Amino acid sequence: MATTTSLFRHIKDPLSFAAGDYIFHHDDPADSLYAVLEGEVDLVIHNQIKRTCGPGEIFGEMGLIEHLPRLGDAIARTACVVAKVDEARFNFMVQQTPNFALTVMRVLSERLRNEDAT
C-alpha cells in the first residue's frame, strides 16, 4: 500500500543508496522509519525477500513503534532515495496529520494479513 509521497517531500537530507546497499541490518536499533521517494527497497528476513517497497511506501515502522531491534534487512533493490523519519518527526506527523496515522495502521494491517495468508 502506497502512502502519499508529498508527506515526505519536506524531509531534509533524503538518503541515497546504490543497488545492493543496506539501509539497515537485522538487529540494528530501530530509531526511524523510511519512506521510498525513488527506486525500490527489498525487505529481507532469513535471506528471503518478504516485500519490495516502491515510491510512496514506508518500511521500518514496526521497530520504531515497538522500540525493538530490526527484524530483518532493508536492501536497496535499485538505486533509490529514501526519507528517514525519526521518532520525533513520526510523532509530529501522527499529531498533525491524522491520515498519516491511518496510513501506517493500514500498512501494518495489510502486511499482517499478507503474512497470515502465506
N, C-alpha and C. Protein backbone atom coordinates (compact mmCIF):
# COMPACT_ATOMS: atom_id res chain seq x y z
N MET A 1 0.85 -1.18 0.00
CA MET A 1 0.00 0.00 0.00
C MET A 1 0.89 1.23 0.00
N ALA A 2 0.66 2.12 -0.90
CA ALA A 2 1.47 3.32 -1.00
C ALA A 2 0.92 4.42 -0.11
N THR A 3 1.82 5.22 0.40
CA THR A 3 1.42 6.42 1.13
C THR A 3 1.56 7.59 0.18
N THR A 4 1.23 8.75 0.63
CA THR A 4 1.37 9.92 -0.20
C THR A 4 2.80 10.43 -0.08
N THR A 5 3.51 10.42 -1.19
CA THR A 5 4.89 10.87 -1.20
C THR A 5 5.00 12.32 -0.74
N SER A 6 3.96 13.10 -0.96
CA SER A 6 4.00 14.51 -0.58
C SER A 6 4.19 14.70 0.93
N LEU A 7 3.79 13.72 1.74
CA LEU A 7 4.01 13.82 3.18
C LEU A 7 5.49 13.90 3.52
N PHE A 8 6.33 13.38 2.64
CA PHE A 8 7.75 13.27 2.94
C PHE A 8 8.62 14.23 2.14
N ARG A 9 8.01 15.05 1.32
CA ARG A 9 8.80 15.91 0.44
C ARG A 9 9.59 16.98 1.20
N HIS A 10 9.19 17.28 2.43
CA HIS A 10 9.90 18.30 3.20
C HIS A 10 10.96 17.72 4.13
N ILE A 11 11.17 16.42 4.07
CA ILE A 11 12.21 15.81 4.89
C ILE A 11 13.55 16.32 4.40
N LYS A 12 14.33 16.85 5.32
CA LYS A 12 15.65 17.37 4.95
C LYS A 12 16.62 16.21 4.74
N ASP A 13 17.50 16.39 3.80
CA ASP A 13 18.58 15.43 3.55
C ASP A 13 18.10 14.00 3.29
N PRO A 14 17.31 13.78 2.25
CA PRO A 14 16.96 12.39 1.92
C PRO A 14 18.24 11.59 1.66
N LEU A 15 18.16 10.31 1.89
CA LEU A 15 19.33 9.44 1.77
C LEU A 15 19.31 8.72 0.43
N SER A 16 20.45 8.64 -0.21
CA SER A 16 20.58 7.93 -1.49
C SER A 16 21.38 6.65 -1.29
N PHE A 17 20.94 5.59 -1.94
CA PHE A 17 21.61 4.30 -1.86
C PHE A 17 21.76 3.71 -3.26
N ALA A 18 22.86 3.03 -3.48
CA ALA A 18 23.08 2.29 -4.73
C ALA A 18 22.43 0.92 -4.59
N ALA A 19 22.11 0.30 -5.70
CA ALA A 19 21.56 -1.05 -5.67
C ALA A 19 22.49 -1.96 -4.88
N GLY A 20 21.93 -2.73 -3.95
CA GLY A 20 22.70 -3.65 -3.14
C GLY A 20 23.14 -3.08 -1.80
N ASP A 21 23.03 -1.77 -1.62
CA ASP A 21 23.39 -1.16 -0.33
C ASP A 21 22.38 -1.54 0.74
N TYR A 22 22.87 -1.72 1.96
CA TYR A 22 22.00 -1.96 3.10
C TYR A 22 21.54 -0.63 3.68
N ILE A 23 20.25 -0.50 3.89
CA ILE A 23 19.70 0.68 4.55
C ILE A 23 19.71 0.44 6.05
N PHE A 24 19.36 -0.77 6.44
CA PHE A 24 19.58 -1.23 7.81
C PHE A 24 19.73 -2.74 7.81
N HIS A 25 20.31 -3.25 8.91
CA HIS A 25 20.56 -4.67 9.08
C HIS A 25 19.68 -5.23 10.20
N HIS A 26 19.48 -6.54 10.12
CA HIS A 26 18.80 -7.29 11.19
C HIS A 26 19.47 -6.95 12.52
N ASP A 27 18.69 -6.71 13.52
CA ASP A 27 19.12 -6.40 14.89
C ASP A 27 19.65 -4.99 15.10
N ASP A 28 19.70 -4.16 14.05
CA ASP A 28 20.04 -2.75 14.26
C ASP A 28 18.99 -2.11 15.15
N PRO A 29 19.36 -1.08 15.91
CA PRO A 29 18.35 -0.34 16.67
C PRO A 29 17.36 0.31 15.68
N ALA A 30 16.10 0.32 16.06
CA ALA A 30 15.06 0.88 15.19
C ALA A 30 14.71 2.28 15.69
N ASP A 31 15.42 3.26 15.18
CA ASP A 31 15.21 4.63 15.64
C ASP A 31 14.45 5.48 14.63
N SER A 32 14.00 4.85 13.53
CA SER A 32 13.31 5.61 12.49
C SER A 32 12.56 4.66 11.56
N LEU A 33 11.67 5.26 10.77
CA LEU A 33 11.07 4.54 9.65
C LEU A 33 11.55 5.25 8.40
N TYR A 34 11.28 4.66 7.26
CA TYR A 34 11.74 5.21 5.99
C TYR A 34 10.59 5.25 5.00
N ALA A 35 10.63 6.21 4.11
CA ALA A 35 9.68 6.31 3.01
C ALA A 35 10.47 6.32 1.71
N VAL A 36 10.07 5.47 0.79
CA VAL A 36 10.75 5.41 -0.50
C VAL A 36 10.27 6.59 -1.35
N LEU A 37 11.21 7.41 -1.78
CA LEU A 37 10.91 8.53 -2.67
C LEU A 37 11.14 8.15 -4.12
N GLU A 38 12.21 7.38 -4.36
CA GLU A 38 12.56 6.92 -5.71
C GLU A 38 13.17 5.53 -5.58
N GLY A 39 12.94 4.68 -6.57
CA GLY A 39 13.55 3.36 -6.60
C GLY A 39 12.77 2.32 -5.81
N GLU A 40 13.46 1.21 -5.48
CA GLU A 40 12.83 0.10 -4.77
C GLU A 40 13.75 -0.43 -3.69
N VAL A 41 13.13 -0.93 -2.61
CA VAL A 41 13.85 -1.48 -1.46
C VAL A 41 13.28 -2.84 -1.13
N ASP A 42 14.15 -3.84 -0.99
CA ASP A 42 13.72 -5.18 -0.57
C ASP A 42 13.80 -5.30 0.94
N LEU A 43 12.76 -5.87 1.53
CA LEU A 43 12.75 -6.19 2.95
C LEU A 43 12.99 -7.69 3.06
N VAL A 44 14.09 -8.06 3.71
CA VAL A 44 14.58 -9.42 3.71
C VAL A 44 14.63 -9.97 5.13
N ILE A 45 14.02 -11.14 5.34
CA ILE A 45 14.07 -11.83 6.62
C ILE A 45 14.55 -13.24 6.36
N HIS A 46 15.57 -13.68 7.07
CA HIS A 46 16.15 -15.01 6.92
C HIS A 46 16.49 -15.30 5.45
N ASN A 47 17.12 -14.33 4.81
CA ASN A 47 17.58 -14.44 3.42
C ASN A 47 16.46 -14.61 2.41
N GLN A 48 15.23 -14.28 2.78
CA GLN A 48 14.09 -14.34 1.87
C GLN A 48 13.51 -12.94 1.72
N ILE A 49 13.29 -12.53 0.47
CA ILE A 49 12.63 -11.24 0.23
C ILE A 49 11.16 -11.39 0.62
N LYS A 50 10.76 -10.64 1.62
CA LYS A 50 9.37 -10.69 2.09
C LYS A 50 8.50 -9.66 1.38
N ARG A 51 9.14 -8.57 0.95
CA ARG A 51 8.38 -7.49 0.32
C ARG A 51 9.34 -6.57 -0.41
N THR A 52 8.86 -5.98 -1.48
CA THR A 52 9.61 -4.92 -2.17
C THR A 52 8.77 -3.66 -2.09
N CYS A 53 9.37 -2.61 -1.56
CA CYS A 53 8.69 -1.32 -1.41
C CYS A 53 9.13 -0.38 -2.52
N GLY A 54 8.17 0.33 -3.08
CA GLY A 54 8.45 1.29 -4.13
C GLY A 54 8.08 2.70 -3.69
N PRO A 55 8.15 3.63 -4.61
CA PRO A 55 7.87 5.04 -4.29
C PRO A 55 6.55 5.23 -3.55
N GLY A 56 6.61 5.98 -2.46
CA GLY A 56 5.42 6.27 -1.66
C GLY A 56 5.18 5.29 -0.54
N GLU A 57 5.91 4.17 -0.52
CA GLU A 57 5.70 3.18 0.54
C GLU A 57 6.67 3.41 1.69
N ILE A 58 6.22 2.99 2.87
CA ILE A 58 7.06 3.10 4.06
C ILE A 58 7.54 1.73 4.49
N PHE A 59 8.65 1.72 5.23
CA PHE A 59 9.15 0.49 5.83
C PHE A 59 9.92 0.84 7.08
N GLY A 60 10.09 -0.14 7.96
CA GLY A 60 10.81 0.08 9.22
C GLY A 60 9.93 0.63 10.32
N GLU A 61 8.63 0.69 10.09
CA GLU A 61 7.73 1.30 11.06
C GLU A 61 7.54 0.43 12.31
N MET A 62 7.60 -0.89 12.17
CA MET A 62 7.35 -1.76 13.31
C MET A 62 8.35 -1.55 14.43
N GLY A 63 9.62 -1.56 14.09
CA GLY A 63 10.64 -1.38 15.11
C GLY A 63 10.55 -0.03 15.79
N LEU A 64 10.23 1.00 15.01
CA LEU A 64 10.10 2.34 15.57
C LEU A 64 8.95 2.39 16.57
N ILE A 65 7.82 1.82 16.19
CA ILE A 65 6.64 1.84 17.06
C ILE A 65 6.87 0.99 18.31
N GLU A 66 7.50 -0.17 18.13
CA GLU A 66 7.70 -1.10 19.25
C GLU A 66 8.96 -0.83 20.07
N HIS A 67 9.86 -0.02 19.53
CA HIS A 67 11.16 0.23 20.18
C HIS A 67 11.95 -1.06 20.33
N LEU A 68 11.90 -1.89 19.30
CA LEU A 68 12.63 -3.15 19.28
C LEU A 68 13.60 -3.15 18.11
N PRO A 69 14.64 -3.98 18.17
CA PRO A 69 15.60 -4.06 17.05
C PRO A 69 14.91 -4.51 15.76
N ARG A 70 15.57 -4.24 14.66
CA ARG A 70 15.06 -4.61 13.33
C ARG A 70 14.91 -6.12 13.22
N LEU A 71 13.82 -6.55 12.57
CA LEU A 71 13.56 -7.97 12.35
C LEU A 71 14.32 -8.52 11.16
N GLY A 72 14.68 -7.65 10.24
CA GLY A 72 15.35 -8.11 9.03
C GLY A 72 16.20 -7.02 8.44
N ASP A 73 16.59 -7.23 7.20
CA ASP A 73 17.42 -6.27 6.48
C ASP A 73 16.56 -5.49 5.50
N ALA A 74 16.96 -4.25 5.26
CA ALA A 74 16.38 -3.45 4.18
C ALA A 74 17.52 -3.18 3.20
N ILE A 75 17.35 -3.65 1.96
CA ILE A 75 18.42 -3.58 0.96
C ILE A 75 17.88 -2.88 -0.29
N ALA A 76 18.64 -1.92 -0.77
CA ALA A 76 18.23 -1.21 -2.00
C ALA A 76 18.21 -2.21 -3.16
N ARG A 77 17.05 -2.41 -3.75
CA ARG A 77 16.91 -3.30 -4.91
C ARG A 77 17.46 -2.60 -6.14
N THR A 78 17.19 -1.30 -6.21
CA THR A 78 17.67 -0.45 -7.28
C THR A 78 18.32 0.77 -6.62
N ALA A 79 18.94 1.60 -7.41
CA ALA A 79 19.36 2.89 -6.86
C ALA A 79 18.09 3.53 -6.31
N CYS A 80 18.18 4.09 -5.11
CA CYS A 80 16.97 4.63 -4.50
C CYS A 80 17.27 5.84 -3.63
N VAL A 81 16.22 6.58 -3.36
CA VAL A 81 16.26 7.71 -2.46
C VAL A 81 15.16 7.49 -1.44
N VAL A 82 15.51 7.58 -0.15
CA VAL A 82 14.53 7.38 0.91
C VAL A 82 14.57 8.55 1.88
N ALA A 83 13.43 8.81 2.48
CA ALA A 83 13.33 9.82 3.54
C ALA A 83 13.38 9.07 4.86
N LYS A 84 14.24 9.52 5.75
CA LYS A 84 14.34 8.92 7.08
C LYS A 84 13.50 9.75 8.04
N VAL A 85 12.59 9.08 8.74
CA VAL A 85 11.68 9.75 9.66
C VAL A 85 11.98 9.25 11.07
N ASP A 86 12.60 10.11 11.89
CA ASP A 86 12.92 9.70 13.26
C ASP A 86 11.67 9.75 14.13
N GLU A 87 11.80 9.32 15.37
CA GLU A 87 10.63 9.20 16.24
C GLU A 87 9.96 10.54 16.51
N ALA A 88 10.75 11.60 16.70
CA ALA A 88 10.16 12.91 16.95
C ALA A 88 9.34 13.36 15.75
N ARG A 89 9.87 13.19 14.56
CA ARG A 89 9.16 13.57 13.33
C ARG A 89 7.92 12.70 13.14
N PHE A 90 8.06 11.40 13.41
CA PHE A 90 6.93 10.48 13.31
C PHE A 90 5.80 10.94 14.23
N ASN A 91 6.12 11.23 15.50
CA ASN A 91 5.10 11.67 16.45
C ASN A 91 4.44 12.97 15.99
N PHE A 92 5.23 13.88 15.47
CA PHE A 92 4.70 15.14 14.95
C PHE A 92 3.73 14.87 13.80
N MET A 93 4.14 13.99 12.89
CA MET A 93 3.29 13.68 11.73
C MET A 93 1.98 13.02 12.16
N VAL A 94 2.04 12.15 13.15
CA VAL A 94 0.83 11.49 13.66
C VAL A 94 -0.11 12.53 14.27
N GLN A 95 0.45 13.48 15.02
CA GLN A 95 -0.38 14.51 15.66
C GLN A 95 -0.94 15.51 14.67
N GLN A 96 -0.14 15.91 13.71
CA GLN A 96 -0.54 16.97 12.78
C GLN A 96 -1.29 16.46 11.56
N THR A 97 -1.09 15.19 11.22
CA THR A 97 -1.71 14.63 10.02
C THR A 97 -2.34 13.28 10.38
N PRO A 98 -3.55 13.31 10.94
CA PRO A 98 -4.19 12.05 11.36
C PRO A 98 -4.25 11.00 10.25
N ASN A 99 -4.37 11.43 9.00
CA ASN A 99 -4.40 10.45 7.91
C ASN A 99 -3.09 9.67 7.82
N PHE A 100 -1.99 10.27 8.24
CA PHE A 100 -0.72 9.56 8.26
C PHE A 100 -0.80 8.38 9.23
N ALA A 101 -1.37 8.61 10.42
CA ALA A 101 -1.52 7.52 11.39
C ALA A 101 -2.38 6.40 10.81
N LEU A 102 -3.46 6.77 10.11
CA LEU A 102 -4.31 5.75 9.48
C LEU A 102 -3.54 4.99 8.41
N THR A 103 -2.71 5.70 7.66
CA THR A 103 -1.92 5.05 6.62
C THR A 103 -0.97 4.03 7.24
N VAL A 104 -0.32 4.39 8.32
CA VAL A 104 0.60 3.46 8.99
C VAL A 104 -0.17 2.25 9.49
N MET A 105 -1.35 2.46 10.07
CA MET A 105 -2.15 1.33 10.54
C MET A 105 -2.57 0.43 9.38
N ARG A 106 -2.91 1.03 8.25
CA ARG A 106 -3.29 0.23 7.08
C ARG A 106 -2.11 -0.59 6.57
N VAL A 107 -0.94 0.02 6.56
CA VAL A 107 0.27 -0.71 6.13
C VAL A 107 0.49 -1.91 7.04
N LEU A 108 0.43 -1.70 8.35
CA LEU A 108 0.63 -2.80 9.29
C LEU A 108 -0.43 -3.88 9.12
N SER A 109 -1.67 -3.46 8.96
CA SER A 109 -2.75 -4.42 8.78
C SER A 109 -2.57 -5.23 7.50
N GLU A 110 -2.23 -4.56 6.41
CA GLU A 110 -2.04 -5.26 5.13
C GLU A 110 -0.90 -6.26 5.23
N ARG A 111 0.18 -5.86 5.86
CA ARG A 111 1.33 -6.77 5.99
C ARG A 111 1.01 -7.96 6.87
N LEU A 112 0.27 -7.74 7.95
CA LEU A 112 -0.14 -8.85 8.81
C LEU A 112 -1.08 -9.79 8.06
N ARG A 113 -2.01 -9.23 7.33
CA ARG A 113 -2.95 -10.05 6.54
C ARG A 113 -2.20 -10.88 5.51
N ASN A 114 -1.23 -10.27 4.84
CA ASN A 114 -0.45 -10.99 3.82
C ASN A 114 0.38 -12.10 4.46
N GLU A 115 0.93 -11.87 5.63
CA GLU A 115 1.70 -12.91 6.33
C GLU A 115 0.80 -14.06 6.72
N ASP A 116 -0.41 -13.75 7.20
CA ASP A 116 -1.34 -14.79 7.60
C ASP A 116 -1.79 -15.63 6.41
N ALA A 117 -1.80 -15.02 5.23
CA ALA A 117 -2.26 -15.73 4.04
C ALA A 117 -1.20 -16.68 3.48
N THR A 118 0.06 -16.52 3.91
CA THR A 118 1.12 -17.38 3.38
C THR A 118 1.43 -18.54 4.27
